[in-house]
Each structure stands twice: as structure tokens, then as C-alpha cells.
C-alpha atoms as a PDB file:
ATOM      1  CA  MET A   1      69.765 130.296  91.760  1.00  0.00           C
ATOM      2  CA  THR A   2      73.078 129.029  90.862  1.00  0.00           C
ATOM      3  CA  SER A   3      74.945 130.801  93.755  1.00  0.00           C
ATOM      4  CA  SER A   4      72.306 129.578  96.114  1.00  0.00           C
ATOM      5  CA  LEU A   5      72.980 125.978  95.143  1.00  0.00           C
ATOM      6  CA  PHE A   6      76.741 126.360  95.400  1.00  0.00           C
ATOM      7  CA  PHE A   7      76.591 127.806  98.981  1.00  0.00           C
ATOM      8  CA  LEU A   8      73.950 124.891  99.852  1.00  0.00           C
ATOM      9  CA  SER A   9      76.475 122.507  98.605  1.00  0.00           C
ATOM     10  CA  LEU A  10      79.392 124.150 100.320  1.00  0.00           C
ATOM     11  CA  ALA A  11      77.604 124.247 103.599  1.00  0.00           C
ATOM     12  CA  MET A  12      76.663 120.415 103.230  1.00  0.00           C
ATOM     13  CA  ALA A  13      80.357 119.658 102.460  1.00  0.00           C
ATOM     14  CA  VAL A  14      81.491 121.515 105.543  1.00  0.00           C
ATOM     15  CA  GLY A  15      79.003 119.777 107.584  1.00  0.00           C
ATOM     16  CA  PHE A  16      79.930 116.456 106.457  1.00  0.00           C
ATOM     17  CA  GLY A  17      83.710 117.218 107.039  1.00  0.00           C
ATOM     18  CA  ALA A  18      83.083 118.272 110.583  1.00  0.00           C
ATOM     19  CA  TRP A  19      80.746 115.069 111.166  1.00  0.00           C
ATOM     20  CA  CYS A  20      83.560 112.992 109.776  1.00  0.00           C
ATOM     21  CA  ALA A  21      86.164 114.951 111.930  1.00  0.00           C
ATOM     22  CA  TYR A  22      84.303 114.210 114.959  1.00  0.00           C
ATOM     23  CA  ILE A  23      84.180 110.479 114.346  1.00  0.00           C
ATOM     24  CA  PHE A  24      88.042 110.395 113.408  1.00  0.00           C
ATOM     25  CA  GLU A  25      88.747 112.116 116.563  1.00  0.00           C
ATOM     26  CA  ARG A  26      86.670 109.736 118.680  1.00  0.00           C
ATOM     27  CA  LYS A  27      88.413 106.601 117.162  1.00  0.00           C
ATOM     28  CA  GLY A  28      91.881 108.139 118.069  1.00  0.00           C
ATOM     29  CA  ARG A  29      92.728 109.184 114.437  1.00  0.00           C
ATOM     30  CA  ASP A  30      93.800 112.558 112.768  1.00  0.00           C
ATOM     31  CA  ARG A  31      90.861 115.051 112.852  1.00  0.00           C
ATOM     32  CA  ARG A  32      91.965 116.963 109.794  1.00  0.00           C
ATOM     33  CA  ALA A  33      92.269 113.768 107.726  1.00  0.00           C
ATOM     34  CA  GLY A  34      88.724 113.112 108.856  1.00  0.00           C
ATOM     35  CA  PHE A  35      87.556 116.563 107.750  1.00  0.00           C
ATOM     36  CA  TRP A  36      88.942 115.997 104.297  1.00  0.00           C
ATOM     37  CA  VAL A  37      87.433 112.668 103.928  1.00  0.00           C
ATOM     38  CA  GLY A  38      84.089 114.066 104.831  1.00  0.00           C
ATOM     39  CA  PHE A  39      84.267 117.137 102.785  1.00  0.00           C
ATOM     40  CA  LEU A  40      85.478 115.412  99.533  1.00  0.00           C
ATOM     41  CA  PHE A  41      83.184 112.340  99.906  1.00  0.00           C
ATOM     42  CA  GLY A  42      80.144 113.360 101.729  1.00  0.00           C
ATOM     43  CA  VAL A  43      77.851 110.487 102.793  1.00  0.00           C
ATOM     44  CA  PHE A  44      80.476 107.919 101.466  1.00  0.00           C
ATOM     45  CA  GLY A  45      83.037 109.597 103.820  1.00  0.00           C
ATOM     46  CA  LEU A  46      80.705 108.950 106.824  1.00  0.00           C
ATOM     47  CA  LEU A  47      80.519 105.232 105.800  1.00  0.00           C
ATOM     48  CA  ILE A  48      84.313 104.992 105.543  1.00  0.00           C
ATOM     49  CA  ALA A  49      84.661 106.915 108.791  1.00  0.00           C
ATOM     50  CA  SER A  50      82.320 104.712 110.475  1.00  0.00           C
ATOM     51  CA  LEU A  51      83.779 101.461 109.174  1.00  0.00           C
ATOM     52  CA  LEU A  52      87.271 102.566 110.375  1.00  0.00           C
ATOM     53  CA  SER A  53      88.691 100.576 113.354  1.00  0.00           C
ATOM     54  CA  SER A  54      89.993 102.652 116.327  1.00  0.00           C
ATOM     55  CA  LYS A  55      93.500 103.376 116.148  1.00  0.00           C
ATOM     56  CA  LYS A  56      93.854 102.111 119.854  1.00  0.00           C
ATOM     57  CA  ASP A  57      92.332  98.699 118.763  1.00  0.00           C
ATOM     58  CA  SER A  58      94.636  98.250 115.592  1.00  0.00           C
ATOM     59  CA  GLN A  59      97.846  98.933 117.481  1.00  0.00           C
ATOM     60  CA  SER A  60      97.526  95.868 119.811  1.00  0.00           C
END
């Protein structure tokens, strides 16, 4: 039971990391940073990624 919970948590963390990496990439930011934000913070990482402005907009 414990190992299945661990693997489920790991799979969810990787999923959130991939999702945040995708959002970061679409906003012109570093994909690796997005992965780690999603991996470490989960749902809160998605919120952070969605609230960040695009890098193209912030350089104007």
C-alpha cells in the first residue's frame, strides 16, 4: 500500500511538472523552471504558472 501511494504521488508530481512546463513554454519562459515549479508545488504551481505574465509582454 505504501509503495503504491508513493508511485501515485510521484506520477502526479511529474504530471503537474509537465503541465506547468507547457504553460511556461507558451508564455516564453524557461520550460525547466516551469517543470520544477509544478513538480514541487503541484496545484499551487499551476496557479503560479497561470498567473505569470508572458515574458514577451513584460519586456516591452
